[in-house]
PDB file of N, CA and C in Angstrom:
ATOM      1  N   MET A   1     -12.200  10.893 -19.203  1.00  0.00           N
ATOM      2  CA  MET A   1     -12.410   9.779 -18.296  1.00  0.00           C
ATOM      3  C   MET A   1     -11.070   9.152 -17.882  1.00  0.00           C
ATOM      4  N   GLU A   2     -10.165   8.950 -18.840  1.00  0.00           N
ATOM      5  CA  GLU A   2      -8.870   8.354 -18.531  1.00  0.00           C
ATOM      6  C   GLU A   2      -8.074   9.246 -17.589  1.00  0.00           C
ATOM      7  N   ASN A   3      -8.162  10.562 -17.782  1.00  0.00           N
ATOM      8  CA  ASN A   3      -7.460  11.498 -16.914  1.00  0.00           C
ATOM      9  C   ASN A   3      -7.970  11.378 -15.473  1.00  0.00           C
ATOM     10  N   GLU A   4      -9.279  11.244 -15.312  1.00  0.00           N
ATOM     11  CA  GLU A   4      -9.867  11.089 -13.986  1.00  0.00           C
ATOM     12  C   GLU A   4      -9.404   9.777 -13.349  1.00  0.00           C
ATOM     13  N   PHE A   5      -9.325   8.711 -14.160  1.00  0.00           N
ATOM     14  CA  PHE A   5      -8.848   7.414 -13.674  1.00  0.00           C
ATOM     15  C   PHE A   5      -7.407   7.514 -13.197  1.00  0.00           C
ATOM     16  N   LEU A   6      -6.550   8.185 -13.964  1.00  0.00           N
ATOM     17  CA  LEU A   6      -5.150   8.345 -13.582  1.00  0.00           C
ATOM     18  C   LEU A   6      -5.019   9.180 -12.313  1.00  0.00           C
ATOM     19  N   GLN A   7      -5.840  10.203 -12.197  1.00  0.00           N
ATOM     20  CA  GLN A   7      -5.820  11.025 -10.986  1.00  0.00           C
ATOM     21  C   GLN A   7      -6.221  10.205  -9.762  1.00  0.00           C
ATOM     22  N   THR A   8      -7.211   9.328  -9.932  1.00  0.00           N
ATOM     23  CA  THR A   8      -7.636   8.466  -8.834  1.00  0.00           C
ATOM     24  C   THR A   8      -6.505   7.519  -8.447  1.00  0.00           C
ATOM     25  N   GLU A   9      -5.854   6.908  -9.434  1.00  0.00           N
ATOM     26  CA  GLU A   9      -4.737   6.002  -9.148  1.00  0.00           C
ATOM     27  C   GLU A   9      -3.598   6.731  -8.426  1.00  0.00           C
ATOM     28  N   GLU A  10      -3.271   7.930  -8.897  1.00  0.00           N
ATOM     29  CA  GLU A  10      -2.206   8.715  -8.254  1.00  0.00           C
ATOM     30  C   GLU A  10      -2.587   9.072  -6.820  1.00  0.00           C
ATOM     31  N   ALA A  11      -3.843   9.400  -6.594  1.00  0.00           N
ATOM     32  CA  ALA A  11      -4.310   9.746  -5.252  1.00  0.00           C
ATOM     33  C   ALA A  11      -4.264   8.518  -4.334  1.00  0.00           C
ATOM     34  N   ILE A  12      -4.546   7.342  -4.876  1.00  0.00           N
ATOM     35  CA  ILE A  12      -4.473   6.109  -4.090  1.00  0.00           C
ATOM     36  C   ILE A  12      -3.028   5.854  -3.675  1.00  0.00           C
ATOM     37  N   VAL A  13      -2.099   5.988  -4.606  1.00  0.00           N
ATOM     38  CA  VAL A  13      -0.677   5.799  -4.280  1.00  0.00           C
ATOM     39  C   VAL A  13      -0.242   6.815  -3.222  1.00  0.00           C
ATOM     40  N   ALA A  14      -0.664   8.056  -3.376  1.00  0.00           N
ATOM     41  CA  ALA A  14      -0.324   9.089  -2.386  1.00  0.00           C
ATOM     42  C   ALA A  14      -0.874   8.713  -1.008  1.00  0.00           C
ATOM     43  N   ALA A  15      -2.100   8.168  -0.965  1.00  0.00           N
ATOM     44  CA  ALA A  15      -2.688   7.749   0.308  1.00  0.00           C
ATOM     45  C   ALA A  15      -1.902   6.589   0.910  1.00  0.00           C
ATOM     46  N   LEU A  16      -1.491   5.642   0.059  1.00  0.00           N
ATOM     47  CA  LEU A  16      -0.720   4.499   0.552  1.00  0.00           C
ATOM     48  C   LEU A  16       0.630   4.930   1.120  1.00  0.00           C
ATOM     49  N   LYS A  17       1.164   6.007   0.586  1.00  0.00           N
ATOM     50  CA  LYS A  17       2.453   6.502   1.075  1.00  0.00           C
ATOM     51  C   LYS A  17       2.341   7.192   2.433  1.00  0.00           C
ATOM     52  N   THR A  18       1.118   7.296   2.970  1.00  0.00           N
ATOM     53  CA  THR A  18       0.936   7.865   4.312  1.00  0.00           C
ATOM     54  C   THR A  18       0.742   6.774   5.359  1.00  0.00           C
ATOM     55  N   VAL A  19       0.807   5.511   4.932  1.00  0.00           N
ATOM     56  CA  VAL A  19       0.630   4.380   5.847  1.00  0.00           C
ATOM     57  C   VAL A  19       2.001   3.836   6.230  1.00  0.00           C
ATOM     58  N   PHE A  20       2.217   3.694   7.532  1.00  0.00           N
ATOM     59  CA  PHE A  20       3.507   3.221   8.042  1.00  0.00           C
ATOM     60  C   PHE A  20       3.306   2.029   8.964  1.00  0.00           C
ATOM     61  N   ASP A  21       4.254   1.112   8.920  1.00  0.00           N
ATOM     62  CA  ASP A  21       4.357   0.085   9.945  1.00  0.00           C
ATOM     63  C   ASP A  21       4.893   0.823  11.164  1.00  0.00           C
ATOM     64  N   PRO A  22       4.273   0.683  12.324  1.00  0.00           N
ATOM     65  CA  PRO A  22       4.722   1.440  13.502  1.00  0.00           C
ATOM     66  C   PRO A  22       6.184   1.195  13.883  1.00  0.00           C
ATOM     67  N   GLU A  23       6.755   0.095  13.436  1.00  0.00           N
ATOM     68  CA  GLU A  23       8.130  -0.230  13.805  1.00  0.00           C
ATOM     69  C   GLU A  23       9.165   0.187  12.764  1.00  0.00           C
ATOM     70  N   ILE A  24       8.701   0.657  11.593  1.00  0.00           N
ATOM     71  CA  ILE A  24       9.619   0.991  10.501  1.00  0.00           C
ATOM     72  C   ILE A  24       9.324   2.410  10.024  1.00  0.00           C
ATOM     73  N   PRO A  25      10.332   3.285   9.959  1.00  0.00           N
ATOM     74  CA  PRO A  25      10.089   4.684   9.593  1.00  0.00           C
ATOM     75  C   PRO A  25       9.993   4.945   8.089  1.00  0.00           C
ATOM     76  N   VAL A  26       9.462   3.983   7.329  1.00  0.00           N
ATOM     77  CA  VAL A  26       9.291   4.130   5.882  1.00  0.00           C
ATOM     78  C   VAL A  26       7.875   3.672   5.553  1.00  0.00           C
ATOM     79  N   ASN A  27       7.217   4.359   4.615  1.00  0.00           N
ATOM     80  CA  ASN A  27       5.843   3.998   4.272  1.00  0.00           C
ATOM     81  C   ASN A  27       5.769   2.635   3.585  1.00  0.00           C
ATOM     82  N   ILE A  28       4.601   2.004   3.668  1.00  0.00           N
ATOM     83  CA  ILE A  28       4.440   0.641   3.167  1.00  0.00           C
ATOM     84  C   ILE A  28       4.586   0.546   1.651  1.00  0.00           C
ATOM     85  N   TYR A  29       4.282   1.638   0.941  1.00  0.00           N
ATOM     86  CA  TYR A  29       4.407   1.618  -0.519  1.00  0.00           C
ATOM     87  C   TYR A  29       5.884   1.532  -0.912  1.00  0.00           C
ATOM     88  N   ASP A  30       6.706   2.390  -0.313  1.00  0.00           N
ATOM     89  CA  ASP A  30       8.135   2.385  -0.623  1.00  0.00           C
ATOM     90  C   ASP A  30       8.844   1.151  -0.073  1.00  0.00           C
ATOM     91  N   LEU A  31       8.265   0.532   0.961  1.00  0.00           N
ATOM     92  CA  LEU A  31       8.824  -0.719   1.472  1.00  0.00           C
ATOM     93  C   LEU A  31       8.577  -1.878   0.499  1.00  0.00           C
ATOM     94  N   GLY A  32       7.669  -1.673  -0.453  1.00  0.00           N
ATOM     95  CA  GLY A  32       7.354  -2.731  -1.411  1.00  0.00           C
ATOM     96  C   GLY A  32       6.306  -3.704  -0.902  1.00  0.00           C
ATOM     97  N   LEU A  33       5.522  -3.275   0.080  1.00  0.00           N
ATOM     98  CA  LEU A  33       4.511  -4.154   0.645  1.00  0.00           C
ATOM     99  C   LEU A  33       3.216  -4.173  -0.169  1.00  0.00           C
ATOM    100  N   ILE A  34       3.057  -3.241  -1.087  1.00  0.00           N
ATOM    101  CA  ILE A  34       1.865  -3.208  -1.940  1.00  0.00           C
ATOM    102  C   ILE A  34       2.200  -3.947  -3.231  1.00  0.00           C
ATOM    103  N   TYR A  35       1.537  -5.063  -3.444  1.00  0.00           N
ATOM    104  CA  TYR A  35       1.806  -5.879  -4.634  1.00  0.00           C
ATOM    105  C   TYR A  35       0.922  -5.495  -5.812  1.00  0.00           C
ATOM    106  N   LYS A  36      -0.335  -5.135  -5.516  1.00  0.00           N
ATOM    107  CA  LYS A  36      -1.249  -4.843  -6.623  1.00  0.00           C
ATOM    108  C   LYS A  36      -2.339  -3.897  -6.162  1.00  0.00           C
ATOM    109  N   VAL A  37      -2.670  -2.937  -7.033  1.00  0.00           N
ATOM    110  CA  VAL A  37      -3.805  -2.047  -6.813  1.00  0.00           C
ATOM    111  C   VAL A  37      -4.648  -2.086  -8.078  1.00  0.00           C
ATOM    112  N   ASN A  38      -5.875  -2.575  -7.960  1.00  0.00           N
ATOM    113  CA  ASN A  38      -6.794  -2.610  -9.096  1.00  0.00           C
ATOM    114  C   ASN A  38      -7.962  -1.683  -8.812  1.00  0.00           C
ATOM    115  N   VAL A  39      -8.281  -0.855  -9.800  1.00  0.00           N
ATOM    116  CA  VAL A  39      -9.438   0.024  -9.707  1.00  0.00           C
ATOM    117  C   VAL A  39     -10.354  -0.343 -10.867  1.00  0.00           C
ATOM    118  N   ASP A  40     -11.583  -0.757 -10.558  1.00  0.00           N
ATOM    119  CA  ASP A  40     -12.495  -1.133 -11.639  1.00  0.00           C
ATOM    120  C   ASP A  40     -13.223   0.101 -12.184  1.00  0.00           C
ATOM    121  N   ASP A  41     -14.089  -0.118 -13.146  1.00  0.00           N
ATOM    122  CA  ASP A  41     -14.791   0.981 -13.820  1.00  0.00           C
ATOM    123  C   ASP A  41     -15.714   1.763 -12.885  1.00  0.00           C
ATOM    124  N   GLU A  42     -16.093   1.152 -11.767  1.00  0.00           N
ATOM    125  CA  GLU A  42     -16.975   1.826 -10.815  1.00  0.00           C
ATOM    126  C   GLU A  42     -16.207   2.384  -9.613  1.00  0.00           C
ATOM    127  N   ASN A  43     -14.864   2.425  -9.737  1.00  0.00           N
ATOM    128  CA  ASN A  43     -13.977   2.945  -8.691  1.00  0.00           C
ATOM    129  C   ASN A  43     -13.993   2.124  -7.400  1.00  0.00           C
ATOM    130  N   ASN A  44     -14.221   0.815  -7.538  1.00  0.00           N
ATOM    131  CA  ASN A  44     -14.000  -0.107  -6.432  1.00  0.00           C
ATOM    132  C   ASN A  44     -12.526  -0.482  -6.490  1.00  0.00           C
ATOM    133  N   VAL A  45     -11.873  -0.468  -5.347  1.00  0.00           N
ATOM    134  CA  VAL A  45     -10.427  -0.698  -5.295  1.00  0.00           C
ATOM    135  C   VAL A  45     -10.147  -2.027  -4.600  1.00  0.00           C
ATOM    136  N   GLN A  46      -9.264  -2.802  -5.215  1.00  0.00           N
ATOM    137  CA  GLN A  46      -8.800  -4.042  -4.609  1.00  0.00           C
ATOM    138  C   GLN A  46      -7.286  -3.954  -4.495  1.00  0.00           C
ATOM    139  N   ILE A  47      -6.787  -4.177  -3.278  1.00  0.00           N
ATOM    140  CA  ILE A  47      -5.354  -4.053  -3.000  1.00  0.00           C
ATOM    141  C   ILE A  47      -4.832  -5.382  -2.473  1.00  0.00           C
ATOM    142  N   ASP A  48      -3.754  -5.868  -3.084  1.00  0.00           N
ATOM    143  CA  ASP A  48      -3.033  -7.014  -2.545  1.00  0.00           C
ATOM    144  C   ASP A  48      -1.778  -6.471  -1.890  1.00  0.00           C
ATOM    145  N   MET A  49      -1.594  -6.832  -0.634  1.00  0.00           N
ATOM    146  CA  MET A  49      -0.421  -6.361   0.095  1.00  0.00           C
ATOM    147  C   MET A  49       0.140  -7.487   0.944  1.00  0.00           C
ATOM    148  N   THR A  50       1.365  -7.291   1.397  1.00  0.00           N
ATOM    149  CA  THR A  50       2.014  -8.259   2.261  1.00  0.00           C
ATOM    150  C   THR A  50       2.597  -7.546   3.457  1.00  0.00           C
ATOM    151  N   LEU A  51       3.347  -8.262   4.247  1.00  0.00           N
ATOM    152  CA  LEU A  51       4.011  -7.709   5.420  1.00  0.00           C
ATOM    153  C   LEU A  51       5.483  -8.099   5.371  1.00  0.00           C
ATOM    154  N   THR A  52       6.299  -7.408   6.130  1.00  0.00           N
ATOM    155  CA  THR A  52       7.720  -7.759   6.159  1.00  0.00           C
ATOM    156  C   THR A  52       7.923  -9.103   6.838  1.00  0.00           C
ATOM    157  N   ALA A  53       6.989  -9.493   7.713  1.00  0.00           N
ATOM    158  CA  ALA A  53       7.042 -10.793   8.383  1.00  0.00           C
ATOM    159  C   ALA A  53       5.610 -11.283   8.586  1.00  0.00           C
ATOM    160  N   PRO A  54       5.348 -12.568   8.353  1.00  0.00           N
ATOM    161  CA  PRO A  54       3.983 -13.092   8.479  1.00  0.00           C
ATOM    162  C   PRO A  54       3.366 -12.914   9.867  1.00  0.00           C
ATOM    163  N   ASN A  55       4.170 -12.844  10.899  1.00  0.00           N
ATOM    164  CA  ASN A  55       3.642 -12.714  12.257  1.00  0.00           C
ATOM    165  C   ASN A  55       3.692 -11.282  12.774  1.00  0.00           C
ATOM    166  N   CYS A  56       3.626 -10.313  11.889  1.00  0.00           N
ATOM    167  CA  CYS A  56       3.673  -8.901  12.262  1.00  0.00           C
ATOM    168  C   CYS A  56       2.540  -8.580  13.246  1.00  0.00           C
ATOM    169  N   PRO A  57       2.859  -8.050  14.420  1.00  0.00           N
ATOM    170  CA  PRO A  57       1.823  -7.763  15.409  1.00  0.00           C
ATOM    171  C   PRO A  57       0.919  -6.587  15.030  1.00  0.00           C
ATOM    172  N   ALA A  58       1.332  -5.797  14.058  1.00  0.00           N
ATOM    173  CA  ALA A  58       0.550  -4.620  13.674  1.00  0.00           C
ATOM    174  C   ALA A  58      -0.327  -4.865  12.442  1.00  0.00           C
ATOM    175  N   VAL A  59      -0.523  -6.110  12.056  1.00  0.00           N
ATOM    176  CA  VAL A  59      -1.243  -6.422  10.824  1.00  0.00           C
ATOM    177  C   VAL A  59      -2.630  -5.779  10.775  1.00  0.00           C
ATOM    178  N   ASP A  60      -3.414  -5.900  11.826  1.00  0.00           N
ATOM    179  CA  ASP A  60      -4.772  -5.341  11.820  1.00  0.00           C
ATOM    180  C   ASP A  60      -4.741  -3.826  11.700  1.00  0.00           C
ATOM    181  N   PHE A  61      -3.848  -3.193  12.441  1.00  0.00           N
ATOM    182  CA  PHE A  61      -3.708  -1.740  12.387  1.00  0.00           C
ATOM    183  C   PHE A  61      -3.329  -1.276  10.986  1.00  0.00           C
ATOM    184  N   ILE A  62      -2.350  -1.926  10.377  1.00  0.00           N
ATOM    185  CA  ILE A  62      -1.869  -1.519   9.046  1.00  0.00           C
ATOM    186  C   ILE A  62      -2.959  -1.713   7.994  1.00  0.00           C
ATOM    187  N   MET A  63      -3.611  -2.861   8.012  1.00  0.00           N
ATOM    188  CA  MET A  63      -4.647  -3.130   7.008  1.00  0.00           C
ATOM    189  C   MET A  63      -5.819  -2.163   7.140  1.00  0.00           C
ATOM    190  N   GLU A  64      -6.212  -1.856   8.359  1.00  0.00           N
ATOM    191  CA  GLU A  64      -7.310  -0.915   8.560  1.00  0.00           C
ATOM    192  C   GLU A  64      -6.895   0.495   8.143  1.00  0.00           C
ATOM    193  N   ASP A  65      -5.657   0.868   8.404  1.00  0.00           N
ATOM    194  CA  ASP A  65      -5.146   2.174   7.981  1.00  0.00           C
ATOM    195  C   ASP A  65      -5.165   2.279   6.457  1.00  0.00           C
ATOM    196  N   VAL A  66      -4.738   1.223   5.776  1.00  0.00           N
ATOM    197  CA  VAL A  66      -4.778   1.190   4.302  1.00  0.00           C
ATOM    198  C   VAL A  66      -6.210   1.379   3.832  1.00  0.00           C
ATOM    199  N   ARG A  67      -7.128   0.589   4.366  1.00  0.00           N
ATOM    200  CA  ARG A  67      -8.526   0.659   3.935  1.00  0.00           C
ATOM    201  C   ARG A  67      -9.113   2.050   4.156  1.00  0.00           C
ATOM    202  N   MET A  68      -8.916   2.610   5.346  1.00  0.00           N
ATOM    203  CA  MET A  68      -9.497   3.920   5.659  1.00  0.00           C
ATOM    204  C   MET A  68      -8.911   5.030   4.791  1.00  0.00           C
ATOM    205  N   LYS A  69      -7.602   5.017   4.598  1.00  0.00           N
ATOM    206  CA  LYS A  69      -6.974   6.104   3.839  1.00  0.00           C
ATOM    207  C   LYS A  69      -7.301   6.024   2.355  1.00  0.00           C
ATOM    208  N   VAL A  70      -7.385   4.835   1.804  1.00  0.00           N
ATOM    209  CA  VAL A  70      -7.741   4.704   0.385  1.00  0.00           C
ATOM    210  C   VAL A  70      -9.231   4.999   0.194  1.00  0.00           C
ATOM    211  N   GLU A  71     -10.058   4.583   1.136  1.00  0.00           N
ATOM    212  CA  GLU A  71     -11.489   4.859   1.067  1.00  0.00           C
ATOM    213  C   GLU A  71     -11.765   6.362   1.105  1.00  0.00           C
ATOM    214  N   ALA A  72     -10.881   7.142   1.714  1.00  0.00           N
ATOM    215  CA  ALA A  72     -11.056   8.589   1.819  1.00  0.00           C
ATOM    216  C   ALA A  72     -10.683   9.329   0.522  1.00  0.00           C
ATOM    217  N   VAL A  73     -10.078   8.624  -0.432  1.00  0.00           N
ATOM    218  CA  VAL A  73      -9.701   9.244  -1.707  1.00  0.00           C
ATOM    219  C   VAL A  73     -10.969   9.582  -2.495  1.00  0.00           C
ATOM    220  N   ASP A  74     -11.009  10.786  -3.065  1.00  0.00           N
ATOM    221  CA  ASP A  74     -12.155  11.194  -3.882  1.00  0.00           C
ATOM    222  C   ASP A  74     -12.417  10.168  -4.975  1.00  0.00           C
ATOM    223  N   ASN A  75     -13.679   9.897  -5.228  1.00  0.00           N
ATOM    224  CA  ASN A  75     -14.166   8.989  -6.269  1.00  0.00           C
ATOM    225  C   ASN A  75     -14.055   7.513  -5.916  1.00  0.00           C
ATOM    226  N   VAL A  76     -13.370   7.147  -4.842  1.00  0.00           N
ATOM    227  CA  VAL A  76     -13.270   5.733  -4.480  1.00  0.00           C
ATOM    228  C   VAL A  76     -14.579   5.303  -3.821  1.00  0.00           C
ATOM    229  N   LYS A  77     -15.138   4.223  -4.366  1.00  0.00           N
ATOM    230  CA  LYS A  77     -16.427   3.734  -3.883  1.00  0.00           C
ATOM    231  C   LYS A  77     -16.260   2.740  -2.727  1.00  0.00           C
ATOM    232  N   SER A  78     -15.374   1.759  -2.899  1.00  0.00           N
ATOM    233  CA  SER A  78     -15.140   0.764  -1.855  1.00  0.00           C
ATOM    234  C   SER A  78     -13.697   0.274  -1.947  1.00  0.00           C
ATOM    235  N   VAL A  79     -13.230  -0.322  -0.848  1.00  0.00           N
ATOM    236  CA  VAL A  79     -11.849  -0.812  -0.791  1.00  0.00           C
ATOM    237  C   VAL A  79     -11.848  -2.206  -0.179  1.00  0.00           C
ATOM    238  N   GLN A  80     -11.169  -3.115  -0.854  1.00  0.00           N
ATOM    239  CA  GLN A  80     -10.942  -4.448  -0.317  1.00  0.00           C
ATOM    240  C   GLN A  80      -9.435  -4.653  -0.232  1.00  0.00           C
ATOM    241  N   VAL A  81      -8.947  -4.978   0.967  1.00  0.00           N
ATOM    242  CA  VAL A  81      -7.521  -5.201   1.182  1.00  0.00           C
ATOM    243  C   VAL A  81      -7.298  -6.686   1.419  1.00  0.00           C
ATOM    244  N   ASN A  82      -6.473  -7.298   0.574  1.00  0.00           N
ATOM    245  CA  ASN A  82      -6.157  -8.720   0.690  1.00  0.00           C
ATOM    246  C   ASN A  82      -4.722  -8.871   1.168  1.00  0.00           C
ATOM    247  N   LEU A  83      -4.536  -9.675   2.186  1.00  0.00           N
ATOM    248  CA  LEU A  83      -3.212  -9.960   2.699  1.00  0.00           C
ATOM    249  C   LEU A  83      -2.690 -11.217   2.000  1.00  0.00           C
ATOM    250  N   VAL A  84      -1.548 -11.083   1.327  1.00  0.00           N
ATOM    251  CA  VAL A  84      -0.963 -12.202   0.587  1.00  0.00           C
ATOM    252  C   VAL A  84       0.493 -12.381   1.020  1.00  0.00           C
ATOM    253  N   PHE A  85       0.992 -13.581   0.854  1.00  0.00           N
ATOM    254  CA  PHE A  85       2.386 -13.848   1.213  1.00  0.00           C
ATOM    255  C   PHE A  85       3.163 -14.490   0.071  1.00  0.00           C
ATOM    256  N   GLU A  86       2.602 -14.436  -1.126  1.00  0.00           N
ATOM    257  CA  GLU A  86       3.289 -14.914  -2.325  1.00  0.00           C
ATOM    258  C   GLU A  86       3.331 -13.780  -3.324  1.00  0.00           C
ATOM    259  N   PRO A  87       4.468 -13.376  -3.804  1.00  0.00           N
ATOM    260  CA  PRO A  87       5.774 -13.854  -3.399  1.00  0.00           C
ATOM    261  C   PRO A  87       6.140 -13.331  -2.017  1.00  0.00           C
ATOM    262  N   GLU A  88       7.041 -14.022  -1.379  1.00  0.00           N
ATOM    263  CA  GLU A  88       7.500 -13.610  -0.061  1.00  0.00           C
ATOM    264  C   GLU A  88       8.265 -12.294  -0.183  1.00  0.00           C
ATOM    265  N   TRP A  89       7.993 -11.354   0.721  1.00  0.00           N
ATOM    266  CA  TRP A  89       8.648 -10.049   0.696  1.00  0.00           C
ATOM    267  C   TRP A  89      10.122 -10.198   1.055  1.00  0.00           C
ATOM    268  N   ASP A  90      10.958  -9.401   0.375  1.00  0.00           N
ATOM    269  CA  ASP A  90      12.347  -9.254   0.812  1.00  0.00           C
ATOM    270  C   ASP A  90      12.792  -7.828   0.529  1.00  0.00           C
ATOM    271  N   LYS A  91      13.931  -7.451   1.085  1.00  0.00           N
ATOM    272  CA  LYS A  91      14.368  -6.051   1.033  1.00  0.00           C
ATOM    273  C   LYS A  91      14.630  -5.556  -0.381  1.00  0.00           C
ATOM    274  N   ASP A  92      14.790  -6.438  -1.354  1.00  0.00           N
ATOM    275  CA  ASP A  92      14.992  -6.012  -2.742  1.00  0.00           C
ATOM    276  C   ASP A  92      13.736  -5.385  -3.335  1.00  0.00           C
ATOM    277  N   MET A  93      12.595  -5.539  -2.685  1.00  0.00           N
ATOM    278  CA  MET A  93      11.334  -4.957  -3.155  1.00  0.00           C
ATOM    279  C   MET A  93      11.195  -3.488  -2.755  1.00  0.00           C
ATOM    280  N   MET A  94      12.077  -3.011  -1.898  1.00  0.00           N
ATOM    281  CA  MET A  94      12.017  -1.630  -1.434  1.00  0.00           C
ATOM    282  C   MET A  94      12.542  -0.679  -2.514  1.00  0.00           C
ATOM    283  N   THR A  95      12.042   0.558  -2.495  1.00  0.00           N
ATOM    284  CA  THR A  95      12.573   1.581  -3.390  1.00  0.00           C
ATOM    285  C   THR A  95      13.969   1.973  -2.915  1.00  0.00           C
ATOM    286  N   GLU A  96      14.716   2.602  -3.801  1.00  0.00           N
ATOM    287  CA  GLU A  96      16.053   3.076  -3.429  1.00  0.00           C
ATOM    288  C   GLU A  96      15.974   4.071  -2.272  1.00  0.00           C
ATOM    289  N   GLU A  97      14.938   4.913  -2.284  1.00  0.00           N
ATOM    290  CA  GLU A  97      14.763   5.900  -1.219  1.00  0.00           C
ATOM    291  C   GLU A  97      14.547   5.208   0.132  1.00  0.00           C
ATOM    292  N   ALA A  98      13.765   4.136   0.138  1.00  0.00           N
ATOM    293  CA  ALA A  98      13.519   3.412   1.386  1.00  0.00           C
ATOM    294  C   ALA A  98      14.798   2.757   1.892  1.00  0.00           C
ATOM    295  N   LYS A  99      15.556   2.181   0.987  1.00  0.00           N
ATOM    296  CA  LYS A  99      16.822   1.546   1.377  1.00  0.00           C
ATOM    297  C   LYS A  99      17.776   2.587   1.963  1.00  0.00           C
ATOM    298  N   LEU A 100      17.808   3.768   1.349  1.00  0.00           N
ATOM    299  CA  LEU A 100      18.674   4.846   1.834  1.00  0.00           C
ATOM    300  C   LEU A 100      18.223   5.284   3.227  1.00  0.00           C
ATOM    301  N   GLU A 101      16.920   5.462   3.409  1.00  0.00           N
ATOM    302  CA  GLU A 101      16.366   5.879   4.697  1.00  0.00           C
ATOM    303  C   GLU A 101      16.697   4.889   5.815  1.00  0.00           C
ATOM    304  N   LEU A 102      16.718   3.612   5.472  1.00  0.00           N
ATOM    305  CA  LEU A 102      16.991   2.572   6.469  1.00  0.00           C
ATOM    306  C   LEU A 102      18.461   2.201   6.573  1.00  0.00           C
ATOM    307  N   GLY A 103      19.302   2.922   5.817  1.00  0.00           N
ATOM    308  CA  GLY A 103      20.743   2.681   5.873  1.00  0.00           C
ATOM    309  C   GLY A 103      21.194   1.397   5.211  1.00  0.00           C
ATOM    310  N   LEU A 104      20.453   0.954   4.212  1.00  0.00           N
ATOM    311  CA  LEU A 104      20.794  -0.280   3.512  1.00  0.00           C
ATOM    312  C   LEU A 104      21.588  -0.029   2.234  1.00  0.00           C
ATOM    313  N   LEU A 105      21.881   1.222   1.943  1.00  0.00           N
ATOM    314  CA  LEU A 105      22.682   1.564   0.752  1.00  0.00           C
ATOM    315  C   LEU A 105      24.017   2.148   1.173  1.00  0.00           C
TER     316      LEU A 105
END
């Protein structure tokens, strides 16, 4: 059972890495926009995420892309995406790979 749970979590992360802000050539996971992913015992997923800026014009597109791609993961029953702004996002939340891709290293 634990192995199946870990596989589901890994598949969710892989799905999140396919979601991009249309204006930034790095996925939202590596940008550090995903704050929390919770998977309960019935494979319902709750995701807390943020944006690089509160007034991002692509918010609806990004959130729907997250929901659809995570919902498509095997064994996932439902997905709830919550938009949060605490803590406020900054570039230090990005992975080293994302910083390198954006020329910040």
